[in-house]
Amino acid sequence: MNNLEDFLKDDIHKLSIAPMLDVSNRYFWVFLRLLSKKVTFYTEMIHCDVLVRLPELHDELLGFDPIEKPLVFQFGGSDPKKLAQAA
């Protein structure tokens, strides 16, 4: 993209929905996806320790339906090794 006109013409997801406590969930994302195909959803931040220590929660925390895409999964932490392991 060279300039604003190119950006506006490009068929990308220009609207992003940040996670909202007690609002953002899979049902909400599917509802919004029915309203627009050009929305990017972000999950709530999950600490890498949860992903490393509790693999039994992976399906619950990382599972998604293809209609929810594009979906940005957010995780964080301060230990680079654990972040790499969680990724």
N, C-alpha and C. Protein backbone atom coordinates (compact mmCIF):
# COMPACT_ATOMS: atom_id res chain seq x y z
N MET A 1 0.84 -1.17 0.00
CA MET A 1 0.00 0.00 0.00
C MET A 1 0.89 1.24 0.00
N ASN A 2 0.69 2.06 -0.99
CA ASN A 2 1.55 3.22 -1.12
C ASN A 2 0.95 4.47 -0.50
N ASN A 3 -0.36 4.56 -0.47
CA ASN A 3 -0.96 5.76 0.09
C ASN A 3 -2.35 5.45 0.62
N LEU A 4 -3.02 6.48 1.07
CA LEU A 4 -4.34 6.31 1.67
C LEU A 4 -5.35 5.74 0.68
N GLU A 5 -5.29 6.16 -0.56
CA GLU A 5 -6.24 5.65 -1.56
C GLU A 5 -6.08 4.15 -1.75
N ASP A 6 -4.84 3.69 -1.81
CA ASP A 6 -4.60 2.25 -1.93
C ASP A 6 -5.14 1.51 -0.71
N PHE A 7 -4.93 2.09 0.46
CA PHE A 7 -5.42 1.47 1.69
C PHE A 7 -6.93 1.36 1.67
N LEU A 8 -7.62 2.40 1.27
CA LEU A 8 -9.08 2.40 1.27
C LEU A 8 -9.65 1.46 0.22
N LYS A 9 -8.93 1.26 -0.87
CA LYS A 9 -9.40 0.35 -1.92
C LYS A 9 -9.13 -1.11 -1.58
N ASP A 10 -8.13 -1.34 -0.76
CA ASP A 10 -7.75 -2.71 -0.42
C ASP A 10 -8.87 -3.39 0.35
N ASP A 11 -9.13 -4.64 0.02
CA ASP A 11 -10.22 -5.40 0.64
C ASP A 11 -9.71 -6.11 1.89
N ILE A 12 -9.42 -5.33 2.94
CA ILE A 12 -8.93 -5.91 4.18
C ILE A 12 -9.92 -5.64 5.30
N HIS A 13 -9.68 -6.25 6.43
CA HIS A 13 -10.54 -6.06 7.59
C HIS A 13 -10.16 -4.75 8.28
N LYS A 14 -11.00 -3.75 8.12
CA LYS A 14 -10.68 -2.42 8.64
C LYS A 14 -11.29 -2.16 10.02
N LEU A 15 -12.12 -3.05 10.48
CA LEU A 15 -12.75 -2.88 11.78
C LEU A 15 -12.26 -3.99 12.70
N SER A 16 -11.78 -3.60 13.88
CA SER A 16 -11.31 -4.57 14.88
C SER A 16 -12.17 -4.44 16.12
N ILE A 17 -12.52 -5.58 16.69
CA ILE A 17 -13.32 -5.60 17.91
C ILE A 17 -12.44 -6.10 19.04
N ALA A 18 -12.20 -5.22 20.02
CA ALA A 18 -11.40 -5.59 21.19
C ALA A 18 -12.26 -6.42 22.14
N PRO A 19 -11.62 -7.23 22.97
CA PRO A 19 -12.40 -8.04 23.91
C PRO A 19 -13.09 -7.16 24.95
N MET A 20 -14.32 -7.53 25.27
CA MET A 20 -15.11 -6.81 26.27
C MET A 20 -15.56 -7.80 27.33
N LEU A 21 -15.23 -7.54 28.56
CA LEU A 21 -15.55 -8.44 29.66
C LEU A 21 -17.05 -8.72 29.71
N ASP A 22 -17.40 -9.99 29.79
CA ASP A 22 -18.78 -10.46 29.86
C ASP A 22 -19.61 -10.15 28.61
N VAL A 23 -18.97 -9.74 27.52
CA VAL A 23 -19.68 -9.49 26.26
C VAL A 23 -19.06 -10.32 25.14
N SER A 24 -17.74 -10.24 25.03
CA SER A 24 -17.05 -10.95 23.95
C SER A 24 -17.01 -12.44 24.23
N ASN A 25 -17.69 -13.17 23.42
CA ASN A 25 -17.63 -14.62 23.47
C ASN A 25 -17.92 -15.13 22.06
N ARG A 26 -17.89 -16.40 21.91
CA ARG A 26 -18.04 -16.98 20.57
C ARG A 26 -19.39 -16.64 19.95
N TYR A 27 -20.44 -16.60 20.74
CA TYR A 27 -21.77 -16.28 20.22
C TYR A 27 -21.82 -14.85 19.72
N PHE A 28 -21.20 -13.95 20.48
CA PHE A 28 -21.16 -12.54 20.10
C PHE A 28 -20.39 -12.37 18.79
N TRP A 29 -19.25 -13.07 18.66
CA TRP A 29 -18.47 -12.96 17.44
C TRP A 29 -19.22 -13.49 16.22
N VAL A 30 -19.93 -14.58 16.39
CA VAL A 30 -20.72 -15.12 15.27
C VAL A 30 -21.81 -14.13 14.88
N PHE A 31 -22.46 -13.53 15.87
CA PHE A 31 -23.49 -12.51 15.58
C PHE A 31 -22.89 -11.35 14.79
N LEU A 32 -21.74 -10.83 15.25
CA LEU A 32 -21.10 -9.73 14.54
C LEU A 32 -20.65 -10.14 13.14
N ARG A 33 -20.19 -11.38 13.01
CA ARG A 33 -19.76 -11.86 11.70
C ARG A 33 -20.93 -11.88 10.73
N LEU A 34 -22.14 -12.15 11.21
CA LEU A 34 -23.32 -12.12 10.35
C LEU A 34 -23.61 -10.69 9.88
N LEU A 35 -23.22 -9.72 10.69
CA LEU A 35 -23.43 -8.31 10.31
C LEU A 35 -22.37 -7.83 9.32
N SER A 36 -21.15 -8.32 9.47
CA SER A 36 -20.07 -7.90 8.58
C SER A 36 -19.01 -8.98 8.48
N LYS A 37 -18.55 -9.21 7.28
CA LYS A 37 -17.48 -10.18 7.05
C LYS A 37 -16.10 -9.52 7.22
N LYS A 38 -16.06 -8.20 7.40
CA LYS A 38 -14.79 -7.47 7.44
C LYS A 38 -14.48 -6.96 8.84
N VAL A 39 -14.56 -7.85 9.82
CA VAL A 39 -14.25 -7.50 11.20
C VAL A 39 -13.20 -8.48 11.70
N THR A 40 -12.21 -7.97 12.42
CA THR A 40 -11.21 -8.81 13.07
C THR A 40 -11.51 -8.83 14.56
N PHE A 41 -11.55 -10.01 15.14
CA PHE A 41 -11.83 -10.16 16.56
C PHE A 41 -10.55 -10.47 17.32
N TYR A 42 -10.46 -9.94 18.54
CA TYR A 42 -9.33 -10.19 19.43
C TYR A 42 -9.84 -10.90 20.68
N THR A 43 -9.13 -11.94 21.10
CA THR A 43 -9.51 -12.63 22.32
C THR A 43 -9.03 -11.85 23.53
N GLU A 44 -9.53 -12.21 24.69
CA GLU A 44 -9.01 -11.64 25.92
C GLU A 44 -7.58 -12.14 26.11
N MET A 45 -6.77 -11.37 26.83
CA MET A 45 -5.39 -11.75 27.08
C MET A 45 -5.35 -12.94 28.04
N ILE A 46 -4.56 -13.94 27.69
CA ILE A 46 -4.39 -15.12 28.53
C ILE A 46 -2.91 -15.26 28.84
N HIS A 47 -2.60 -15.49 30.11
CA HIS A 47 -1.20 -15.62 30.51
C HIS A 47 -0.64 -16.94 30.00
N CYS A 48 0.60 -16.91 29.55
CA CYS A 48 1.22 -18.11 28.98
C CYS A 48 1.30 -19.26 29.98
N ASP A 49 1.36 -18.94 31.29
CA ASP A 49 1.39 -20.01 32.29
C ASP A 49 0.15 -20.90 32.22
N VAL A 50 -0.99 -20.31 31.92
CA VAL A 50 -2.22 -21.09 31.81
C VAL A 50 -2.10 -22.09 30.68
N LEU A 51 -1.54 -21.66 29.56
CA LEU A 51 -1.41 -22.55 28.41
C LEU A 51 -0.37 -23.64 28.64
N VAL A 52 0.69 -23.30 29.36
CA VAL A 52 1.76 -24.26 29.60
C VAL A 52 1.35 -25.28 30.68
N ARG A 53 0.72 -24.80 31.74
CA ARG A 53 0.43 -25.66 32.89
C ARG A 53 -0.89 -26.42 32.78
N LEU A 54 -1.81 -25.93 31.96
CA LEU A 54 -3.15 -26.54 31.90
C LEU A 54 -3.52 -26.91 30.47
N PRO A 55 -2.85 -27.90 29.89
CA PRO A 55 -3.16 -28.28 28.51
C PRO A 55 -4.60 -28.77 28.34
N GLU A 56 -5.23 -29.22 29.41
CA GLU A 56 -6.62 -29.67 29.30
C GLU A 56 -7.58 -28.52 28.96
N LEU A 57 -7.12 -27.28 29.11
CA LEU A 57 -7.96 -26.12 28.78
C LEU A 57 -7.73 -25.60 27.36
N HIS A 58 -6.82 -26.21 26.62
CA HIS A 58 -6.50 -25.71 25.28
C HIS A 58 -7.72 -25.63 24.37
N ASP A 59 -8.53 -26.68 24.35
CA ASP A 59 -9.72 -26.64 23.48
C ASP A 59 -10.66 -25.51 23.87
N GLU A 60 -10.86 -25.34 25.16
CA GLU A 60 -11.75 -24.29 25.63
C GLU A 60 -11.20 -22.90 25.33
N LEU A 61 -9.90 -22.71 25.53
CA LEU A 61 -9.30 -21.39 25.35
C LEU A 61 -8.92 -21.08 23.91
N LEU A 62 -8.54 -22.10 23.15
CA LEU A 62 -8.04 -21.87 21.80
C LEU A 62 -9.00 -22.31 20.70
N GLY A 63 -10.06 -23.00 21.08
CA GLY A 63 -11.00 -23.48 20.08
C GLY A 63 -11.77 -22.33 19.43
N PHE A 64 -12.11 -22.51 18.17
CA PHE A 64 -12.89 -21.51 17.46
C PHE A 64 -13.59 -22.17 16.29
N ASP A 65 -14.62 -21.50 15.80
CA ASP A 65 -15.34 -21.94 14.61
C ASP A 65 -14.77 -21.15 13.43
N PRO A 66 -14.62 -21.75 12.27
CA PRO A 66 -14.08 -21.03 11.12
C PRO A 66 -14.81 -19.72 10.79
N ILE A 67 -16.09 -19.61 11.14
CA ILE A 67 -16.82 -18.37 10.85
C ILE A 67 -16.28 -17.20 11.68
N GLU A 68 -15.57 -17.50 12.77
CA GLU A 68 -15.03 -16.45 13.63
C GLU A 68 -13.78 -15.80 13.05
N LYS A 69 -13.16 -16.40 12.05
CA LYS A 69 -11.94 -15.85 11.47
C LYS A 69 -12.23 -14.56 10.72
N PRO A 70 -11.32 -13.59 10.68
CA PRO A 70 -10.03 -13.62 11.34
C PRO A 70 -10.17 -13.36 12.85
N LEU A 71 -9.40 -14.12 13.59
CA LEU A 71 -9.43 -14.07 15.05
C LEU A 71 -7.99 -13.97 15.53
N VAL A 72 -7.71 -12.98 16.36
CA VAL A 72 -6.36 -12.79 16.89
C VAL A 72 -6.36 -13.28 18.33
N PHE A 73 -5.55 -14.30 18.57
CA PHE A 73 -5.42 -14.85 19.92
C PHE A 73 -4.32 -14.09 20.63
N GLN A 74 -4.62 -13.58 21.83
CA GLN A 74 -3.65 -12.80 22.60
C GLN A 74 -3.20 -13.56 23.84
N PHE A 75 -1.91 -13.71 23.98
CA PHE A 75 -1.38 -14.26 25.22
C PHE A 75 -0.14 -13.48 25.60
N GLY A 76 0.18 -13.48 26.87
CA GLY A 76 1.31 -12.70 27.34
C GLY A 76 2.01 -13.37 28.50
N GLY A 77 3.10 -12.78 28.92
CA GLY A 77 3.90 -13.28 30.02
C GLY A 77 5.25 -12.59 30.00
N SER A 78 6.08 -12.91 30.96
CA SER A 78 7.39 -12.26 31.06
C SER A 78 8.56 -13.21 30.83
N ASP A 79 8.29 -14.49 30.71
CA ASP A 79 9.33 -15.48 30.53
C ASP A 79 9.38 -15.90 29.06
N PRO A 80 10.44 -15.51 28.33
CA PRO A 80 10.51 -15.84 26.90
C PRO A 80 10.39 -17.32 26.60
N LYS A 81 10.93 -18.17 27.47
CA LYS A 81 10.84 -19.62 27.22
C LYS A 81 9.40 -20.11 27.34
N LYS A 82 8.68 -19.61 28.34
CA LYS A 82 7.28 -20.01 28.49
C LYS A 82 6.43 -19.45 27.37
N LEU A 83 6.74 -18.22 26.92
CA LEU A 83 6.00 -17.64 25.79
C LEU A 83 6.19 -18.50 24.54
N ALA A 84 7.41 -18.92 24.31
CA ALA A 84 7.69 -19.78 23.15
C ALA A 84 6.97 -21.11 23.28
N GLN A 85 6.96 -21.67 24.48
CA GLN A 85 6.29 -22.94 24.70
C GLN A 85 4.78 -22.79 24.51
N ALA A 86 4.21 -21.69 24.97
CA ALA A 86 2.76 -21.45 24.83
C ALA A 86 2.38 -21.25 23.37
N ALA A 87 3.27 -20.63 22.62
CA ALA A 87 2.97 -20.37 21.21
C ALA A 87 2.91 -21.68 20.46
